[in-house]
Each structure stands twice: as C-alpha cells, then as structure tokens.
Protein backbone atom coordinates (compact mmCIF):
# COMPACT_ATOMS: atom_id res chain seq x y z
CA UNK A 1 4.26 -12.61 -15.03
CA UNK A 2 6.70 -15.56 -14.86
CA UNK A 3 4.91 -17.43 -12.12
CA UNK A 4 7.25 -20.33 -11.43
CA UNK A 5 10.45 -18.27 -11.01
CA UNK A 6 8.55 -15.76 -8.86
CA UNK A 7 7.28 -18.47 -6.52
CA UNK A 8 10.72 -20.01 -6.29
CA UNK A 9 12.22 -16.63 -5.51
CA UNK A 10 9.76 -15.95 -2.72
CA UNK A 11 10.08 -19.37 -1.12
CA UNK A 12 13.81 -20.09 -1.23
CA UNK A 13 16.69 -18.00 0.01
CA UNK A 14 20.43 -18.41 0.68
CA UNK A 15 21.26 -15.72 3.23
CA UNK A 16 24.43 -13.80 3.73
CA UNK A 17 25.90 -14.69 7.17
CA UNK A 18 25.14 -11.99 9.75
CA UNK A 19 27.98 -9.71 10.70
CA UNK A 20 26.51 -8.05 13.77
CA UNK A 21 25.74 -8.97 17.38
CA UNK A 22 22.90 -11.32 18.11
CA UNK A 23 19.46 -9.68 18.26
CA UNK A 24 17.22 -9.65 21.30
CA UNK A 25 14.24 -11.95 20.89
CA UNK A 26 10.70 -11.60 22.16
CA UNK A 27 7.17 -12.90 21.73
CA UNK A 28 3.64 -12.30 22.96
CA UNK A 29 0.25 -13.93 22.42
CA UNK A 30 -1.94 -12.36 19.76
CA UNK A 31 -4.97 -13.75 17.98
CA UNK A 32 -4.69 -17.05 19.79
CA UNK A 33 -1.10 -17.74 18.75
CA UNK A 34 2.36 -16.70 19.90
CA UNK A 35 3.87 -14.01 17.68
CA UNK A 36 7.62 -13.44 17.81
CA UNK A 37 10.11 -10.82 16.75
CA UNK A 38 13.75 -9.76 16.99
CA UNK A 39 15.10 -6.38 18.10
CA UNK A 40 18.44 -4.69 17.46
CA UNK A 41 19.44 -1.82 19.74
CA UNK A 42 22.02 0.74 18.58
CA UNK A 43 25.41 0.56 20.22
CA UNK A 44 24.75 3.97 21.75
CA UNK A 45 21.52 2.80 23.42
CA UNK A 46 20.88 4.54 26.74
CA UNK A 47 17.58 4.09 28.59
CA UNK A 48 17.63 7.75 29.64
CA UNK A 49 17.22 8.80 25.98
CA UNK A 50 14.57 7.97 23.38
CA UNK A 51 15.20 6.44 19.96
CA UNK A 52 13.33 6.18 16.66
CA UNK A 53 11.99 2.73 15.79
CA UNK A 54 11.92 1.19 12.32
CA UNK A 55 9.93 -2.01 11.75
CA UNK A 56 11.18 -4.19 8.88
CA UNK A 57 8.59 -6.48 7.25
CA UNK A 58 9.99 -9.54 5.49
CA UNK A 59 9.09 -11.02 2.11
CA UNK A 60 6.67 -13.79 1.20
CA UNK A 61 7.81 -17.24 2.34
CA UNK A 62 10.69 -15.80 4.35
CA UNK A 63 11.27 -14.88 7.97
CA UNK A 64 12.54 -12.09 10.16
CA UNK A 65 15.94 -13.78 10.39
CA UNK A 66 16.29 -14.13 6.62
CA UNK A 67 15.18 -10.54 6.10
CA UNK A 68 17.71 -9.32 8.63
CA UNK A 69 20.52 -11.35 7.05
CA UNK A 70 19.67 -10.16 3.55
CA UNK A 71 19.11 -6.44 4.09
CA UNK A 72 21.49 -5.87 7.05
CA UNK A 73 19.28 -2.90 7.90
CA UNK A 74 20.37 -2.97 11.55
CA UNK A 75 23.98 -2.16 10.63
CA UNK A 76 23.01 1.15 9.04
CA UNK A 77 20.43 1.76 11.77
CA UNK A 78 23.11 1.31 14.42
CA UNK A 79 25.15 4.21 13.08
CA UNK A 80 21.97 6.30 12.65
CA UNK A 81 20.73 5.67 16.18
CA UNK A 82 17.64 3.63 15.27
CA UNK A 83 16.12 0.66 17.05
CA UNK A 84 15.16 -2.01 14.48
CA UNK A 85 12.39 -4.57 14.98
CA UNK A 86 12.13 -7.63 12.73
CA UNK A 87 8.72 -9.26 13.35
CA UNK A 88 7.73 -12.63 11.91
CA UNK A 89 4.57 -13.02 9.88
CA UNK A 90 2.37 -16.03 10.55
CA UNK A 91 3.52 -17.18 8.04
CA UNK A 92 2.83 -14.43 5.45
CA UNK A 93 1.59 -10.88 5.88
CA UNK A 94 -2.11 -10.28 5.26
CA UNK A 95 -1.16 -7.36 3.04
CA UNK A 96 -3.41 -7.58 0.00
CA UNK A 97 -0.82 -9.55 -1.97
CA UNK A 98 -3.39 -12.35 -1.97
CA UNK A 99 -5.33 -10.49 -4.68
CA UNK A 100 -3.03 -12.62 -6.83
CA UNK A 101 -4.15 -16.25 -6.26
CA UNK A 102 -0.56 -17.47 -6.59
CA UNK A 103 0.25 -15.71 -3.32
CA UNK A 104 -2.42 -16.72 -0.86
CA UNK A 105 -2.21 -15.27 2.65
CA UNK A 106 -3.88 -16.21 5.96
CA UNK A 107 -6.86 -14.09 6.94
CA UNK A 108 -5.42 -12.76 10.19
CA UNK A 109 -5.22 -9.32 11.81
CA UNK A 110 -1.69 -8.14 11.04
CA UNK A 111 -2.66 -4.49 11.54
CA UNK A 112 -3.63 -5.35 15.10
CA UNK A 113 -0.42 -7.35 15.52
CA UNK A 114 1.83 -4.47 14.46
CA UNK A 115 -0.21 -2.12 16.67
CA UNK A 116 0.35 -4.47 19.62
CA UNK A 117 4.02 -4.89 18.69
CA UNK A 118 4.59 -1.14 18.92
CA UNK A 119 2.98 -1.11 22.36
CA UNK A 120 5.09 -4.10 23.45
CA UNK A 121 8.33 -2.53 22.27
CA UNK A 122 7.48 0.81 23.88
CA UNK A 123 6.97 -1.03 27.17
CA UNK A 124 10.43 -2.60 26.98
CA UNK A 125 12.63 -0.03 25.27
CA UNK A 126 13.06 3.75 25.16
CA UNK A 127 11.23 4.56 21.93
CA UNK A 128 10.17 7.98 20.64
CA UNK A 129 6.48 7.38 19.95
CA UNK A 130 6.41 10.17 17.35
CA UNK A 131 9.18 8.50 15.32
CA UNK A 132 7.93 4.99 14.53
CA UNK A 133 8.44 3.90 10.91
CA UNK A 134 7.81 0.82 8.77
CA UNK A 135 9.57 -0.53 5.71
CA UNK A 136 9.28 -3.78 3.81
CA UNK A 137 10.47 -5.81 0.87
CA UNK A 138 8.17 -7.64 -1.55
CA UNK A 139 5.16 -8.84 0.50
CA UNK A 140 6.58 -6.78 3.36
CA UNK A 141 6.38 -3.75 1.08
CA UNK A 142 2.73 -4.54 0.37
CA UNK A 143 2.23 -4.68 4.15
CA UNK A 144 3.99 -1.34 4.67
CA UNK A 145 1.45 0.23 2.33
CA UNK A 146 -1.40 -1.32 4.30
CA UNK A 147 0.06 0.15 7.50
CA UNK A 148 0.08 3.59 5.85
CA UNK A 149 -3.62 3.16 5.08
CA UNK A 150 -4.72 1.79 8.45
CA UNK A 151 -2.13 2.67 11.10
CA UNK A 152 -1.18 6.21 10.15
CA UNK A 153 -1.81 7.49 13.66
CA UNK A 154 1.16 5.41 14.83
CA UNK A 155 3.42 5.13 11.77
CA UNK A 156 5.20 8.39 10.88
CA UNK A 157 6.31 7.29 7.37
CA UNK A 158 6.73 4.11 5.31
CA UNK A 159 9.08 2.73 2.67
CA UNK A 160 8.29 -0.04 0.20
CA UNK A 161 10.78 -1.97 -1.95
CA UNK A 162 9.61 -4.20 -4.81
CA UNK A 163 5.90 -3.95 -3.95
CA UNK A 164 2.73 -2.01 -4.76
CA UNK A 165 -0.45 -0.95 -2.99
CA UNK A 166 -2.87 -3.79 -3.73
CA UNK A 167 -6.27 -3.03 -5.21
CA UNK A 168 -8.24 -4.51 -2.32
CA UNK A 169 -6.34 -2.42 0.24
CA UNK A 170 -6.50 0.74 -1.90
CA UNK A 171 -10.29 0.40 -2.15
CA UNK A 172 -10.58 0.73 1.63
CA UNK A 173 -7.58 2.99 2.23
CA UNK A 174 -8.55 5.87 4.52
CA UNK A 175 -5.47 7.15 6.37
CA UNK A 176 -6.05 9.53 9.26
CA UNK A 177 -3.24 11.81 8.03
CA UNK A 178 -1.05 12.30 4.95
CA UNK A 179 1.63 9.62 5.30
CA UNK A 180 5.06 10.22 3.70
CA UNK A 181 5.92 7.41 1.28
CA UNK A 182 9.20 6.17 -0.20
CA UNK A 183 8.98 3.69 -3.09
CA UNK A 184 11.87 1.75 -4.66
CA UNK A 185 11.30 -0.52 -7.67
CA UNK A 186 13.35 -2.14 -10.43
CA UNK A 187 12.17 -1.90 -14.01
CA UNK A 188 13.21 -5.53 -14.49
CA UNK A 189 11.23 -6.84 -11.50
CA UNK A 190 9.37 -9.92 -12.81
CA UNK A 191 7.92 -10.89 -9.41
CA UNK A 192 6.00 -7.65 -8.86
CA UNK A 193 5.99 -6.14 -12.37
CA UNK A 194 6.27 -2.34 -12.30
CA UNK A 195 3.66 -2.17 -15.06
CA UNK A 196 1.20 -4.24 -13.03
CA UNK A 197 -0.56 -7.44 -14.08
CA UNK A 198 -4.02 -8.99 -13.97
CA UNK A 199 -4.02 -9.01 -10.16
CA UNK A 200 -1.84 -6.13 -8.95
CA UNK A 201 -1.78 -2.41 -9.83
CA UNK A 202 1.24 -0.78 -11.41
CA UNK A 203 3.84 1.37 -9.71
CA UNK A 204 2.31 4.36 -11.50
CA UNK A 205 -1.13 3.59 -10.07
CA UNK A 206 0.38 3.18 -6.60
CA UNK A 207 2.19 6.51 -6.79
CA UNK A 208 -0.87 8.26 -8.20
CA UNK A 209 -2.91 6.97 -5.26
CA UNK A 210 -0.57 8.59 -2.74
CA UNK A 211 -0.03 11.75 -4.79
CA UNK A 212 -3.80 12.23 -4.72
CA UNK A 213 -4.16 11.11 -1.10
CA UNK A 214 -1.48 13.57 0.06
CA UNK A 215 -2.54 16.36 -2.31
CA UNK A 216 0.95 16.76 -3.82
CA UNK A 217 1.23 19.39 -6.55
CA UNK A 218 4.92 19.51 -7.51
CA UNK A 219 7.06 16.89 -9.28
CA UNK A 220 10.83 16.89 -9.76
CA UNK A 221 13.32 14.32 -11.00
CA UNK A 222 17.06 13.82 -10.96
CA UNK A 223 19.47 11.18 -12.25
CA UNK A 224 21.44 9.51 -9.47
CA UNK A 225 25.19 9.23 -10.04
CA UNK A 226 26.13 5.87 -11.62
CA UNK A 227 28.76 4.99 -9.03
CA UNK A 228 28.83 1.29 -10.00
CA UNK A 229 28.73 0.98 -13.81
CA UNK A 230 29.15 -2.79 -13.50
CA UNK A 231 25.86 -3.45 -11.69
CA UNK A 232 23.75 -3.20 -14.87
CA UNK A 233 21.57 -0.46 -13.36
CA UNK A 234 21.05 3.26 -13.32
CA UNK A 235 18.72 5.11 -10.99
CA UNK A 236 16.26 7.98 -11.38
CA UNK A 237 14.83 9.73 -8.33
CA UNK A 238 11.39 11.32 -8.52
CA UNK A 239 10.12 13.63 -5.77
CA UNK A 240 6.50 14.69 -5.34
CA UNK A 241 6.27 17.61 -2.94
CA UNK A 242 4.15 20.57 -1.89
CA UNK A 243 1.93 17.96 -0.22
CA UNK A 244 -0.50 18.26 2.67
CA UNK A 245 1.01 18.33 6.17
CA UNK A 246 4.54 18.72 4.70
CA UNK A 247 4.52 15.10 3.56
CA UNK A 248 6.64 13.96 0.61
CA UNK A 249 6.53 11.05 -1.83
CA UNK A 250 9.83 9.80 -3.24
CA UNK A 251 10.29 7.17 -5.92
CA UNK A 252 13.60 5.57 -6.91
CA UNK A 253 13.19 3.91 -10.31
CA UNK A 254 16.02 1.43 -10.75
CA UNK A 255 16.48 1.04 -14.50
CA UNK A 256 17.62 -2.52 -15.15
CA UNK A 257 17.06 -3.52 -11.52
CA UNK A 258 15.37 -6.75 -10.49
CA UNK A 259 13.33 -7.88 -7.49
CA UNK A 260 16.12 -6.98 -5.09
CA UNK A 261 17.07 -4.72 -2.18
CA UNK A 262 19.46 -1.99 -3.45
CA UNK A 263 22.91 -2.26 -1.90
CA UNK A 264 22.38 -5.81 -0.61
CA UNK A 265 24.49 -8.85 -1.38
CA UNK A 266 23.46 -11.86 -3.48
CA UNK A 267 19.91 -13.01 -2.85
CA UNK A 268 20.63 -16.67 -3.59
CA UNK A 269 18.23 -17.20 -6.52
CA UNK A 270 17.88 -15.52 -9.92
CA UNK A 271 16.21 -12.23 -9.09
CA UNK A 272 17.72 -9.77 -11.54
CA UNK A 273 20.29 -7.05 -11.03
CA UNK A 274 20.97 -5.37 -7.69
CA UNK A 275 21.95 -1.73 -7.95
CA UNK A 276 24.77 -0.38 -5.81
CA UNK A 277 24.28 3.19 -6.99
CA UNK A 278 22.04 3.62 -3.95
CA UNK A 279 21.88 1.78 -0.65
CA UNK A 280 18.26 1.12 0.35
CA UNK A 281 19.11 1.13 4.05
CA UNK A 282 20.71 4.57 3.95
CA UNK A 283 18.07 6.01 1.61
CA UNK A 284 15.20 4.76 3.77
CA UNK A 285 16.59 5.97 7.10
CA UNK A 286 17.53 9.34 5.61
CA UNK A 287 13.96 9.65 4.33
CA UNK A 288 12.51 8.73 7.73
CA UNK A 289 14.73 11.30 9.46
CA UNK A 290 12.59 14.06 7.97
CA UNK A 291 9.30 13.10 9.60
CA UNK A 292 7.60 12.87 12.97
CA UNK A 293 4.01 11.92 13.72
CA UNK A 294 2.14 14.56 15.71
CA UNK A 295 -0.94 12.37 16.11
CA UNK A 296 0.77 10.34 18.81
CA UNK A 297 0.55 13.16 21.33
CA UNK A 298 -2.38 15.18 20.03
CA UNK A 299 -4.34 17.15 22.66
CA UNK A 300 -7.30 19.53 22.83
CA UNK A 301 -4.97 22.50 22.39
CA UNK A 302 -3.45 21.02 19.23
CA UNK A 303 -6.42 19.58 17.37
CA UNK A 304 -5.66 21.68 14.29
CA UNK A 305 -2.01 20.61 14.15
CA UNK A 306 -2.69 17.69 11.80
CA UNK A 307 -5.68 17.11 9.50
CA UNK A 308 -7.47 13.93 10.62
CA UNK A 309 -10.50 11.96 9.51
CA UNK A 310 -13.17 9.78 11.02
CA UNK A 311 -12.78 6.13 10.21
CA UNK A 312 -14.89 3.06 10.97
CA UNK A 313 -13.02 0.04 9.64
CA UNK A 314 -14.42 -3.28 8.50
CA UNK A 315 -14.60 -5.66 11.43
CA UNK A 316 -12.11 -8.51 11.58
CA UNK A 317 -12.69 -11.36 11.03
CA UNK A 318 -15.79 -11.13 8.89
CA UNK A 319 -17.77 -13.40 8.74
CA UNK A 320 -17.11 -14.29 12.39
CA UNK A 321 -18.04 -16.79 15.10
CA UNK A 322 -18.53 -15.76 17.81
CA UNK A 323 -16.21 -12.76 18.33
CA UNK A 324 -14.90 -10.04 16.06
CA UNK A 325 -12.92 -6.82 16.51
CA UNK A 326 -14.12 -3.38 15.41
CA UNK A 327 -11.54 -0.63 14.84
CA UNK A 328 -12.37 3.06 14.60
CA UNK A 329 -10.48 6.36 14.52
CA UNK A 330 -11.54 9.69 16.03
CA UNK A 331 -9.96 12.97 14.83
CA UNK A 332 -10.05 14.62 18.27
CA UNK A 333 -11.21 13.88 21.82
CA UNK A 334 -15.02 13.64 21.86
CA UNK A 335 -18.00 11.71 23.12
CA UNK A 336 -19.09 8.78 20.96
CA UNK A 337 -21.27 5.69 20.94
CA UNK A 338 -20.51 2.37 19.28
CA UNK A 339 -23.50 0.06 18.95
CA UNK A 340 -24.58 -3.09 17.09
CA UNK A 341 -28.10 -3.68 15.80
CA UNK A 342 -29.74 -6.69 14.15
CA UNK A 343 -31.36 -6.66 10.70
CA UNK A 344 -34.57 -5.26 12.24
CA UNK A 345 -32.74 -2.31 13.78
CA UNK A 346 -32.90 -3.60 17.36
CA UNK A 347 -29.85 -2.73 19.46
CA UNK A 348 -28.12 -5.92 20.63
CA UNK A 349 -24.83 -4.52 21.96
CA UNK A 350 -23.22 -1.30 23.12
CA UNK A 351 -19.50 -0.97 23.72
CA UNK A 352 -18.61 -0.19 27.32
CA UNK A 353 -18.12 3.50 27.90
CA UNK A 354 -19.72 4.56 24.60
CA UNK A 355 -23.07 5.82 25.88
CA UNK A 356 -22.45 9.21 24.32
CA UNK A 357 -21.37 10.87 27.56
CA UNK A 358 -17.86 9.56 28.19
CA UNK A 359 -15.12 11.28 26.13
CA UNK A 360 -12.83 9.17 23.96
CA UNK A 361 -9.28 10.22 23.21
CA UNK A 362 -8.18 11.06 19.69
CA UNK A 363 -6.69 8.22 17.64
CA UNK A 364 -7.45 4.60 16.83
CA UNK A 365 -9.61 2.46 19.11
CA UNK A 366 -10.74 -1.16 19.07
CA UNK A 367 -13.68 -3.00 20.61
CA UNK A 368 -14.47 -6.72 20.68
CA UNK A 369 -18.03 -7.77 19.88
CA UNK A 370 -19.16 -11.16 21.22
CA UNK A 371 -22.12 -12.70 19.39
CA UNK A 372 -22.18 -16.09 21.12
CA UNK A 373 -25.73 -15.49 22.48
CA UNK A 374 -27.07 -14.23 19.14
CA UNK A 375 -28.33 -16.15 16.11
CA UNK A 376 -26.53 -16.23 12.77
CA UNK A 377 -27.32 -13.36 10.46
CA UNK A 378 -26.50 -9.88 9.29
CA UNK A 379 -25.70 -7.22 11.89
CA UNK A 380 -24.86 -3.52 11.64
CA UNK A 381 -22.37 -1.62 13.77
CA UNK A 382 -22.74 2.13 14.14
CA UNK A 383 -20.34 4.85 15.28
CA UNK A 384 -22.16 8.02 16.29
CA UNK A 385 -20.30 11.15 17.41
CA UNK A 386 -20.96 14.86 17.68
CA UNK A 387 -19.86 15.31 14.07
CA UNK A 388 -20.42 12.08 12.15
CA UNK A 389 -22.41 8.85 11.93
CA UNK A 390 -20.79 5.85 10.22
CA UNK A 391 -22.39 2.42 9.73
CA UNK A 392 -21.01 -0.88 8.43
CA UNK A 393 -22.41 -4.40 8.23
CA UNK A 394 -20.97 -7.72 9.38
CA UNK A 395 -22.01 -11.36 9.23
CA UNK A 396 -22.27 -13.80 12.16
CA UNK A 397 -22.10 -17.42 10.94
CA UNK A 398 -22.46 -20.32 13.38
C-alpha cells in the first residue's frame, strides 16, 4: 500500500462547485456532542406522500459538504424521488477502518448516531420507514458495511464504493436479516487495495462473507458496454442471486479504475481513473429500488415474513466509566429480561421493564447501564428470553 499518497488523498480535496439548491441543515445532541447533517428533498416533495431515504457516508478526512459536492448524489436522487441525507462524522466514521493504524478513528457510537438520525429525519420529513438505505465512499463504504451488520432492522440495503468489510467488524457481524449489498471497486485502487493488505481484507473476502451470510447459490457475470473508451476503464458486473429473503449481491469491478466514484468529476488529487461507463449514483439508486425492509413493521401475524436472529451486542463504550449502552435485537415480540451481575454472579442491575413479564417489541433495543455506585471490575450482562440466553462481559474502570 502506498501510504503517503493514500493519506494525502483522504485528507485533501478540491470539490466541484455544487449545481443544485442549498440543502436543509440540521443537528441534534448525541453522545455529549452536537452532530449535524444536511438533507436534500426531491423537487416533487409533498408531505402527504412518503419517500425513500438514502444516507450518504463521506470519506476519511472529508465532510458531508465535500461528499455532496463530489458525488452529486442528490441530483440523481431528485429525479428518482429520493430524500438524501448527508451526515457528518465526528470527525471520521468508527467503521473498522482503524484496523489499519494509518487510519485511526475515534471510539464513538456511530451505529447509535445513524439510528438516531433516522428517527430524527422521520420526525421531520415524510419518509417510508421500509425504504431506508445507506451508501458510502472509502471510509463511508466501510461504515455502510458496518450498518449492514448492526442496523439491518432499519437499513433495507447498502452500497459501498472503494471500501471493504473490515476484519474486526466481520468478526462480530450478526445481521438480523439478509441485507442486499452492492459493491463497486477499481482494480487500480491503491488506497483500499482490492487484493487486501496486512490490515484490511480483500474484495473477494468481503464478497464471500456476504455470499455466505445471505446464502447465495447462483453467480452470473456480464461485461458492461464501454461507452467511454477514453476513461481508461472497462467494467464487469457480477451478480450473486438465489439468496435468502430474495436478497442480491452485486459487484461492479472497474478494470483500470482508481479510488474514485464512478461518473463523478475530478477528485482534485491523484486517485486513478474514474470510469464513466457506469454512473454510481444511478446504479446505486436502481439497486435500492428493488428492496424494502419488512422488519420495520413486523407484527405477531407476520413473524415468519423475514428470518431474524437474536443478537446481544458488545456494550459501548467498553471499558466504561460510569455509563455504557447495551444494544440487543429480538426476532419477534416476546418477554425478556436484561440483567447485569458482578464477577461473583450477584445481580447488580436490571433494566426497567425487563422482569420477564413485560413484552418487548421485535427489533433493536438499547439500555443504558450506570455503574457509578459500583466498584471497578468485570461485569456480565445477560439477555434471557423464552427461546435464548445470551451473555457478554464488560469492564468498569474508574
């Protein structure tokens, strides 16, 4: 990996001037800081209707504004009837990219932030909750993969450009449903090498993870028409189908392509070729058009509609002092208890409403554990339901 050029690429950017109306801006407090974002509404926006939402996640060292100016995703989304949200990281997504020490990231809860962002946007705009999607470029693509692993009950499908599923995230990846995945990568990408490196998996390993996760059994390929012979690229499209829950995995291999967004203008630094045989914006939105997320409105009568799994996630932060958040996912409405015990097995905390008699809805839940009255040490949190018992450990350090 050519470290210095990669770092320069991810930290400096000369944007293309925007050619669309000014976005709406918003912010809300999360994790003790103010998190902000921009929103573009389609020209046809009418509060009496509902619209799909696509969340664009920007690259390492960049911002929502720079990502918007570079990709121009909102222009294509406008004609397709999508609302586009451009959130800002703080300052870089906690996506697993930090497995490579050259790309350190803050240890903050970006899954919780995107979860809260969706709720915030739904409260302000007419969004179809079953059609919420995420896409990202570079570190944003890493983050899109993490969302597929950990927020699949809210995200209907994801797309990743110039990124892979990091090893640390893959090791704990337990999506509640098969998540459709679109991957775009240049063979000449020196920032995130398609063959992998000492810190990141390869594109092949990333695809194999999702092929296995989604139980896909059929593979097809086609050569995309070389409509721009002067761009130095050709494109192959690979489709992995016959997957669980009608999900699909698509991979656009850009032969000769660099660390760039297909169809975009100049990136401002040496990044390799940009193909114009495909337009990433159009490809991504067309892919998203195929999928809805039934988990968002699951009920007792429809519990078999989508295969789901139990999940008890690692608390965040960990170690912690004095509070930490525990996330869990239930496959259907049921009674459950969430408790914390010390190293001797003594119960020290029980989440409100989790005494085993009050039903919980299906989906992802969170609970905050406060250890300010407890001594430092190892603690265990336990999810017990009618069908499963899951236990994880966490460390309180004062």
